[in-house]
Amino acid sequence: MTIRGMLPDDVGEVKALLDACFGSSAWSEQSILSELEKPDSYCTVAVKDGVIVGYLAFEQIADEGSIIEIAVLPDCRRQGIAKRLIESASDSSEGLSEVFLEVRESNMPAVALYEGLGFERIALRRDYYDAPKENAIIMRKVYENSCD
């Protein structure tokens, strides 16, 4: 498996991946392309046997990062792909002091992954998600180079 920067030609395949993961609440192709084109975004894909199996959209503004979207095909989960995508984004970013993300309250495998990577629960955002309506756990990872 390889992690590489996402290309505009990947949008259709990333859209199919997001549909497989999130169904009707998945981003549109235009939303994916817009994220890719933002100057502060870092979009990557995980490719296995020529197929995109994972996607990450990460934004960095000054010293603060945010995981905007992360998805791994259901059949490819629990293989370290999400971890590698997150580590790749962190490694490619300079001067990070902290990274934030939101995760569905019921998505305990993802919460466990993030906690294993050093993220801590810091807040709850009520009714953040639709289809179905659900709370989001806001998580944060503070990096050692931070002054906090």
N, C-alpha and C. Protein backbone atom coordinates (compact mmCIF):
# COMPACT_ATOMS: atom_id res chain seq x y z
N MET A 1 0.84 -1.19 0.00
CA MET A 1 0.00 0.00 0.00
C MET A 1 0.88 1.24 0.00
N THR A 2 0.45 2.25 -0.73
CA THR A 2 1.17 3.52 -0.76
C THR A 2 0.23 4.66 -0.39
N ILE A 3 0.81 5.67 0.23
CA ILE A 3 0.10 6.92 0.53
C ILE A 3 0.68 7.97 -0.40
N ARG A 4 -0.20 8.68 -1.10
CA ARG A 4 0.27 9.73 -2.00
C ARG A 4 -0.71 10.89 -2.01
N GLY A 5 -0.23 12.00 -2.51
CA GLY A 5 -1.10 13.15 -2.67
C GLY A 5 -2.21 12.85 -3.65
N MET A 6 -3.39 13.33 -3.34
CA MET A 6 -4.53 13.13 -4.23
C MET A 6 -4.38 14.00 -5.47
N LEU A 7 -4.82 13.48 -6.60
CA LEU A 7 -4.79 14.19 -7.88
C LEU A 7 -6.22 14.50 -8.31
N PRO A 8 -6.42 15.53 -9.15
CA PRO A 8 -7.77 15.82 -9.64
C PRO A 8 -8.42 14.61 -10.32
N ASP A 9 -7.63 13.78 -10.99
CA ASP A 9 -8.17 12.59 -11.65
C ASP A 9 -8.70 11.55 -10.66
N ASP A 10 -8.38 11.69 -9.38
CA ASP A 10 -8.83 10.74 -8.36
C ASP A 10 -10.23 11.05 -7.83
N VAL A 11 -10.80 12.19 -8.20
CA VAL A 11 -12.06 12.64 -7.59
C VAL A 11 -13.17 11.61 -7.72
N GLY A 12 -13.36 11.02 -8.88
CA GLY A 12 -14.42 10.03 -9.08
C GLY A 12 -14.25 8.82 -8.19
N GLU A 13 -13.03 8.33 -8.07
CA GLU A 13 -12.77 7.16 -7.23
C GLU A 13 -12.92 7.50 -5.75
N VAL A 14 -12.49 8.70 -5.36
CA VAL A 14 -12.67 9.13 -3.96
C VAL A 14 -14.15 9.28 -3.66
N LYS A 15 -14.93 9.82 -4.59
CA LYS A 15 -16.38 9.94 -4.40
C LYS A 15 -17.00 8.56 -4.18
N ALA A 16 -16.59 7.57 -4.96
CA ALA A 16 -17.12 6.21 -4.79
C ALA A 16 -16.75 5.66 -3.42
N LEU A 17 -15.53 5.93 -2.96
CA LEU A 17 -15.09 5.49 -1.63
C LEU A 17 -15.96 6.15 -0.55
N LEU A 18 -16.17 7.46 -0.66
CA LEU A 18 -16.98 8.16 0.33
C LEU A 18 -18.43 7.68 0.33
N ASP A 19 -18.96 7.39 -0.86
CA ASP A 19 -20.31 6.84 -0.95
C ASP A 19 -20.39 5.50 -0.23
N ALA A 20 -19.37 4.65 -0.41
CA ALA A 20 -19.34 3.34 0.25
C ALA A 20 -19.27 3.48 1.76
N CYS A 21 -18.61 4.53 2.24
CA CYS A 21 -18.44 4.72 3.68
C CYS A 21 -19.59 5.48 4.32
N PHE A 22 -20.11 6.50 3.63
CA PHE A 22 -21.05 7.43 4.25
C PHE A 22 -22.42 7.50 3.58
N GLY A 23 -22.61 6.79 2.49
CA GLY A 23 -23.90 6.80 1.82
C GLY A 23 -24.36 8.18 1.40
N SER A 24 -25.60 8.50 1.70
CA SER A 24 -26.20 9.75 1.23
C SER A 24 -25.58 11.01 1.85
N SER A 25 -24.84 10.84 2.95
CA SER A 25 -24.22 12.02 3.56
C SER A 25 -22.81 12.28 3.04
N ALA A 26 -22.38 11.51 2.04
CA ALA A 26 -21.03 11.69 1.47
C ALA A 26 -20.92 13.01 0.72
N TRP A 27 -19.70 13.50 0.65
CA TRP A 27 -19.42 14.72 -0.11
C TRP A 27 -19.71 14.50 -1.60
N SER A 28 -20.02 15.58 -2.28
CA SER A 28 -20.18 15.56 -3.74
C SER A 28 -18.79 15.63 -4.38
N GLU A 29 -18.74 15.31 -5.68
CA GLU A 29 -17.46 15.44 -6.40
C GLU A 29 -16.96 16.87 -6.34
N GLN A 30 -17.87 17.84 -6.45
CA GLN A 30 -17.46 19.25 -6.40
C GLN A 30 -16.87 19.61 -5.03
N SER A 31 -17.45 19.08 -3.95
CA SER A 31 -16.91 19.33 -2.61
C SER A 31 -15.52 18.74 -2.45
N ILE A 32 -15.32 17.55 -2.99
CA ILE A 32 -14.00 16.89 -2.92
C ILE A 32 -12.98 17.72 -3.69
N LEU A 33 -13.34 18.13 -4.90
CA LEU A 33 -12.44 18.93 -5.72
C LEU A 33 -12.15 20.28 -5.06
N SER A 34 -13.16 20.90 -4.47
CA SER A 34 -12.96 22.18 -3.79
C SER A 34 -11.97 22.04 -2.64
N GLU A 35 -12.10 20.95 -1.87
CA GLU A 35 -11.17 20.72 -0.76
C GLU A 35 -9.75 20.53 -1.29
N LEU A 36 -9.62 19.78 -2.38
CA LEU A 36 -8.30 19.53 -2.98
C LEU A 36 -7.65 20.83 -3.44
N GLU A 37 -8.45 21.77 -3.92
CA GLU A 37 -7.92 23.01 -4.48
C GLU A 37 -7.63 24.10 -3.44
N LYS A 38 -8.07 23.90 -2.20
CA LYS A 38 -7.81 24.91 -1.17
C LYS A 38 -6.31 24.98 -0.89
N PRO A 39 -5.77 26.20 -0.76
CA PRO A 39 -4.32 26.33 -0.55
C PRO A 39 -3.83 25.76 0.79
N ASP A 40 -4.69 25.70 1.79
CA ASP A 40 -4.28 25.20 3.10
C ASP A 40 -4.63 23.73 3.31
N SER A 41 -5.13 23.06 2.27
CA SER A 41 -5.54 21.66 2.39
C SER A 41 -4.44 20.72 1.93
N TYR A 42 -4.45 19.56 2.53
CA TYR A 42 -3.54 18.48 2.20
C TYR A 42 -4.43 17.24 2.04
N CYS A 43 -4.67 16.83 0.81
CA CYS A 43 -5.53 15.66 0.56
C CYS A 43 -4.67 14.51 0.09
N THR A 44 -4.85 13.37 0.72
CA THR A 44 -4.06 12.20 0.38
C THR A 44 -4.98 11.01 0.16
N VAL A 45 -4.44 10.02 -0.54
CA VAL A 45 -5.15 8.77 -0.76
C VAL A 45 -4.21 7.62 -0.42
N ALA A 46 -4.81 6.53 0.02
CA ALA A 46 -4.10 5.27 0.22
C ALA A 46 -4.47 4.38 -0.95
N VAL A 47 -3.46 3.84 -1.63
CA VAL A 47 -3.69 3.03 -2.82
C VAL A 47 -3.14 1.63 -2.57
N LYS A 48 -4.01 0.66 -2.82
CA LYS A 48 -3.63 -0.75 -2.64
C LYS A 48 -4.03 -1.51 -3.90
N ASP A 49 -3.07 -2.15 -4.53
CA ASP A 49 -3.33 -2.90 -5.77
C ASP A 49 -4.03 -2.03 -6.82
N GLY A 50 -3.61 -0.77 -6.91
CA GLY A 50 -4.14 0.13 -7.92
C GLY A 50 -5.50 0.73 -7.61
N VAL A 51 -6.04 0.46 -6.42
CA VAL A 51 -7.37 0.94 -6.04
C VAL A 51 -7.22 1.89 -4.85
N ILE A 52 -7.93 3.01 -4.89
CA ILE A 52 -7.94 3.93 -3.75
C ILE A 52 -8.80 3.31 -2.65
N VAL A 53 -8.17 3.03 -1.51
CA VAL A 53 -8.87 2.37 -0.40
C VAL A 53 -9.03 3.30 0.80
N GLY A 54 -8.38 4.47 0.77
CA GLY A 54 -8.48 5.42 1.86
C GLY A 54 -8.29 6.84 1.37
N TYR A 55 -8.86 7.78 2.12
CA TYR A 55 -8.82 9.20 1.75
C TYR A 55 -8.76 10.03 3.01
N LEU A 56 -7.96 11.08 2.97
CA LEU A 56 -7.87 12.02 4.08
C LEU A 56 -7.81 13.44 3.54
N ALA A 57 -8.62 14.32 4.10
CA ALA A 57 -8.55 15.75 3.83
C ALA A 57 -8.14 16.42 5.14
N PHE A 58 -7.06 17.18 5.09
CA PHE A 58 -6.45 17.80 6.26
C PHE A 58 -6.21 19.26 5.94
N GLU A 59 -6.53 20.14 6.86
CA GLU A 59 -6.25 21.57 6.68
C GLU A 59 -5.32 22.04 7.78
N GLN A 60 -4.40 22.91 7.39
CA GLN A 60 -3.54 23.56 8.38
C GLN A 60 -3.60 25.05 8.18
N ILE A 61 -3.95 25.75 9.25
CA ILE A 61 -3.92 27.21 9.26
C ILE A 61 -3.02 27.61 10.42
N ALA A 62 -1.94 28.31 10.09
CA ALA A 62 -0.90 28.64 11.08
C ALA A 62 -0.41 27.35 11.71
N ASP A 63 -0.49 27.22 13.04
CA ASP A 63 0.04 26.02 13.70
C ASP A 63 -1.06 25.02 14.09
N GLU A 64 -2.27 25.23 13.58
CA GLU A 64 -3.40 24.39 13.95
C GLU A 64 -3.89 23.58 12.75
N GLY A 65 -4.04 22.28 12.96
CA GLY A 65 -4.53 21.40 11.91
C GLY A 65 -5.90 20.86 12.23
N SER A 66 -6.62 20.47 11.19
CA SER A 66 -7.92 19.84 11.34
C SER A 66 -8.05 18.69 10.34
N ILE A 67 -8.47 17.55 10.84
CA ILE A 67 -8.82 16.46 9.95
C ILE A 67 -10.26 16.73 9.53
N ILE A 68 -10.43 17.07 8.27
CA ILE A 68 -11.71 17.47 7.73
C ILE A 68 -12.54 16.23 7.36
N GLU A 69 -11.89 15.26 6.77
CA GLU A 69 -12.57 14.04 6.34
C GLU A 69 -11.55 12.91 6.30
N ILE A 70 -11.97 11.74 6.75
CA ILE A 70 -11.14 10.55 6.63
C ILE A 70 -12.06 9.37 6.39
N ALA A 71 -11.68 8.52 5.46
CA ALA A 71 -12.50 7.35 5.13
C ALA A 71 -11.61 6.23 4.62
N VAL A 72 -11.97 5.02 4.99
CA VAL A 72 -11.32 3.81 4.51
C VAL A 72 -12.43 2.86 4.08
N LEU A 73 -12.26 2.24 2.91
CA LEU A 73 -13.27 1.28 2.45
C LEU A 73 -13.57 0.26 3.54
N PRO A 74 -14.84 -0.07 3.73
CA PRO A 74 -15.20 -1.01 4.82
C PRO A 74 -14.40 -2.31 4.81
N ASP A 75 -14.16 -2.90 3.64
CA ASP A 75 -13.42 -4.16 3.57
C ASP A 75 -11.93 -4.01 3.89
N CYS A 76 -11.45 -2.79 3.96
CA CYS A 76 -10.01 -2.55 4.19
C CYS A 76 -9.72 -1.98 5.57
N ARG A 77 -10.71 -1.89 6.41
CA ARG A 77 -10.51 -1.32 7.74
C ARG A 77 -9.74 -2.29 8.63
N ARG A 78 -9.19 -1.72 9.70
CA ARG A 78 -8.43 -2.48 10.71
C ARG A 78 -7.13 -3.05 10.12
N GLN A 79 -6.58 -2.32 9.13
CA GLN A 79 -5.31 -2.70 8.52
C GLN A 79 -4.26 -1.61 8.67
N GLY A 80 -4.56 -0.58 9.47
CA GLY A 80 -3.61 0.51 9.70
C GLY A 80 -3.64 1.61 8.66
N ILE A 81 -4.60 1.57 7.75
CA ILE A 81 -4.65 2.57 6.67
C ILE A 81 -4.96 3.95 7.21
N ALA A 82 -5.98 4.08 8.05
CA ALA A 82 -6.33 5.39 8.62
C ALA A 82 -5.17 5.94 9.43
N LYS A 83 -4.53 5.10 10.20
CA LYS A 83 -3.37 5.54 10.99
C LYS A 83 -2.28 6.09 10.08
N ARG A 84 -1.99 5.38 9.00
CA ARG A 84 -0.95 5.86 8.08
C ARG A 84 -1.34 7.16 7.40
N LEU A 85 -2.62 7.32 7.06
CA LEU A 85 -3.06 8.58 6.46
C LEU A 85 -2.88 9.74 7.43
N ILE A 86 -3.27 9.54 8.68
CA ILE A 86 -3.13 10.60 9.69
C ILE A 86 -1.67 10.92 9.94
N GLU A 87 -0.84 9.90 10.07
CA GLU A 87 0.59 10.13 10.31
C GLU A 87 1.23 10.84 9.12
N SER A 88 0.81 10.51 7.92
CA SER A 88 1.34 11.16 6.72
C SER A 88 1.01 12.65 6.72
N ALA A 89 -0.21 12.98 7.10
CA ALA A 89 -0.61 14.40 7.15
C ALA A 89 0.21 15.14 8.20
N SER A 90 0.37 14.53 9.36
CA SER A 90 1.13 15.18 10.44
C SER A 90 2.60 15.34 10.05
N ASP A 91 3.16 14.31 9.41
CA ASP A 91 4.56 14.36 9.00
C ASP A 91 4.80 15.41 7.92
N SER A 92 3.81 15.66 7.09
CA SER A 92 3.96 16.61 5.98
C SER A 92 3.68 18.04 6.39
N SER A 93 3.19 18.23 7.60
CA SER A 93 2.86 19.57 8.09
C SER A 93 3.99 20.08 8.96
N GLU A 94 4.27 21.37 8.84
CA GLU A 94 5.33 21.96 9.64
C GLU A 94 4.76 22.84 10.74
N GLY A 95 5.36 22.75 11.92
CA GLY A 95 5.01 23.65 13.01
C GLY A 95 3.66 23.42 13.64
N LEU A 96 3.13 22.20 13.54
CA LEU A 96 1.83 21.93 14.17
C LEU A 96 1.94 21.98 15.68
N SER A 97 1.00 22.67 16.32
CA SER A 97 0.93 22.63 17.78
C SER A 97 -0.22 21.74 18.23
N GLU A 98 -1.28 21.67 17.41
CA GLU A 98 -2.41 20.82 17.75
C GLU A 98 -3.22 20.49 16.51
N VAL A 99 -3.93 19.36 16.58
CA VAL A 99 -4.80 18.91 15.50
C VAL A 99 -6.15 18.56 16.12
N PHE A 100 -7.21 18.95 15.42
CA PHE A 100 -8.58 18.69 15.87
C PHE A 100 -9.30 17.79 14.88
N LEU A 101 -10.33 17.11 15.37
CA LEU A 101 -11.21 16.33 14.51
C LEU A 101 -12.54 16.13 15.23
N GLU A 102 -13.56 15.79 14.45
CA GLU A 102 -14.86 15.40 14.99
C GLU A 102 -15.12 13.97 14.57
N VAL A 103 -15.77 13.21 15.44
CA VAL A 103 -16.10 11.82 15.14
C VAL A 103 -17.47 11.51 15.72
N ARG A 104 -18.24 10.68 15.01
CA ARG A 104 -19.55 10.28 15.54
C ARG A 104 -19.38 9.62 16.90
N GLU A 105 -20.27 9.98 17.80
CA GLU A 105 -20.22 9.44 19.16
C GLU A 105 -20.30 7.91 19.17
N SER A 106 -21.01 7.33 18.22
CA SER A 106 -21.18 5.87 18.18
C SER A 106 -20.03 5.14 17.49
N ASN A 107 -19.12 5.86 16.86
CA ASN A 107 -18.04 5.23 16.09
C ASN A 107 -16.87 4.89 17.01
N MET A 108 -17.09 3.91 17.86
CA MET A 108 -16.08 3.56 18.86
C MET A 108 -14.78 3.02 18.26
N PRO A 109 -14.79 2.27 17.13
CA PRO A 109 -13.49 1.88 16.54
C PRO A 109 -12.65 3.10 16.15
N ALA A 110 -13.29 4.13 15.59
CA ALA A 110 -12.55 5.34 15.21
C ALA A 110 -12.07 6.09 16.45
N VAL A 111 -12.92 6.20 17.47
CA VAL A 111 -12.52 6.86 18.71
C VAL A 111 -11.31 6.16 19.30
N ALA A 112 -11.33 4.84 19.32
CA ALA A 112 -10.20 4.06 19.86
C ALA A 112 -8.94 4.31 19.03
N LEU A 113 -9.07 4.37 17.71
CA LEU A 113 -7.91 4.66 16.86
C LEU A 113 -7.33 6.02 17.20
N TYR A 114 -8.19 7.04 17.27
CA TYR A 114 -7.71 8.39 17.54
C TYR A 114 -7.07 8.48 18.93
N GLU A 115 -7.69 7.86 19.92
CA GLU A 115 -7.09 7.86 21.25
C GLU A 115 -5.73 7.16 21.24
N GLY A 116 -5.61 6.10 20.48
CA GLY A 116 -4.33 5.40 20.35
C GLY A 116 -3.26 6.24 19.68
N LEU A 117 -3.68 7.23 18.89
CA LEU A 117 -2.74 8.14 18.24
C LEU A 117 -2.47 9.39 19.08
N GLY A 118 -3.05 9.44 20.29
CA GLY A 118 -2.77 10.55 21.19
C GLY A 118 -3.82 11.64 21.22
N PHE A 119 -4.96 11.44 20.56
CA PHE A 119 -6.03 12.43 20.61
C PHE A 119 -6.81 12.25 21.92
N GLU A 120 -7.29 13.36 22.45
CA GLU A 120 -8.10 13.35 23.67
C GLU A 120 -9.46 13.97 23.37
N ARG A 121 -10.47 13.46 24.04
CA ARG A 121 -11.82 14.03 23.93
C ARG A 121 -11.83 15.36 24.67
N ILE A 122 -12.30 16.41 23.99
CA ILE A 122 -12.32 17.72 24.66
C ILE A 122 -13.71 18.34 24.75
N ALA A 123 -14.65 17.87 23.91
CA ALA A 123 -16.00 18.45 23.94
C ALA A 123 -16.95 17.56 23.17
N LEU A 124 -18.22 17.89 23.31
CA LEU A 124 -19.28 17.20 22.58
C LEU A 124 -20.07 18.24 21.81
N ARG A 125 -20.26 18.01 20.52
CA ARG A 125 -21.06 18.91 19.69
C ARG A 125 -22.39 18.20 19.41
N ARG A 126 -23.46 18.70 20.02
CA ARG A 126 -24.76 18.04 19.95
C ARG A 126 -25.38 18.13 18.55
N ASP A 127 -25.94 17.01 18.13
CA ASP A 127 -26.67 16.91 16.85
C ASP A 127 -25.86 17.42 15.65
N TYR A 128 -24.58 17.14 15.65
CA TYR A 128 -23.68 17.62 14.60
C TYR A 128 -23.91 16.88 13.28
N TYR A 129 -24.12 15.58 13.37
CA TYR A 129 -24.27 14.76 12.17
C TYR A 129 -25.74 14.55 11.82
N ASP A 130 -25.99 14.36 10.53
CA ASP A 130 -27.31 13.97 10.04
C ASP A 130 -27.23 12.55 9.50
N ALA A 131 -28.40 11.97 9.29
CA ALA A 131 -28.55 10.66 8.63
C ALA A 131 -27.70 9.56 9.27
N PRO A 132 -27.90 9.18 10.48
CA PRO A 132 -28.87 9.70 11.44
C PRO A 132 -28.29 10.87 12.24
N LYS A 133 -29.20 11.61 12.87
CA LYS A 133 -28.80 12.71 13.74
C LYS A 133 -27.98 12.14 14.89
N GLU A 134 -26.83 12.72 15.13
CA GLU A 134 -25.96 12.18 16.18
C GLU A 134 -24.97 13.25 16.65
N ASN A 135 -24.55 13.10 17.89
CA ASN A 135 -23.54 13.99 18.47
C ASN A 135 -22.17 13.68 17.88
N ALA A 136 -21.31 14.68 17.92
CA ALA A 136 -19.91 14.51 17.53
C ALA A 136 -19.03 14.70 18.76
N ILE A 137 -18.05 13.85 18.89
CA ILE A 137 -17.01 14.05 19.90
C ILE A 137 -15.93 14.88 19.24
N ILE A 138 -15.55 15.98 19.86
CA ILE A 138 -14.44 16.79 19.36
C ILE A 138 -13.19 16.30 20.07
N MET A 139 -12.17 16.00 19.28
CA MET A 139 -10.93 15.48 19.84
C MET A 139 -9.77 16.38 19.42
N ARG A 140 -8.72 16.35 20.25
CA ARG A 140 -7.55 17.19 19.98
C ARG A 140 -6.29 16.43 20.34
N LYS A 141 -5.27 16.62 19.52
CA LYS A 141 -3.94 16.10 19.82
C LYS A 141 -3.01 17.29 19.91
N VAL A 142 -2.29 17.39 21.01
CA VAL A 142 -1.32 18.46 21.21
C VAL A 142 0.05 17.90 20.92
N TYR A 143 0.84 18.61 20.13
CA TYR A 143 2.18 18.16 19.77
C TYR A 143 3.20 18.74 20.73
N GLU A 144 4.29 18.04 20.88
CA GLU A 144 5.32 18.40 21.85
C GLU A 144 5.93 19.78 21.60
N ASN A 145 5.92 20.24 20.35
CA ASN A 145 6.51 21.54 20.06
C ASN A 145 5.57 22.68 20.46
N SER A 146 4.40 22.32 21.01
CA SER A 146 3.42 23.34 21.43
C SER A 146 3.87 24.01 22.72
N CYS A 147 3.46 25.25 22.89
CA CYS A 147 3.77 25.98 24.12
C CYS A 147 2.70 25.79 25.18
N ASP A 148 1.60 25.05 24.87
CA ASP A 148 0.53 24.80 25.85
C ASP A 148 0.99 23.94 26.98
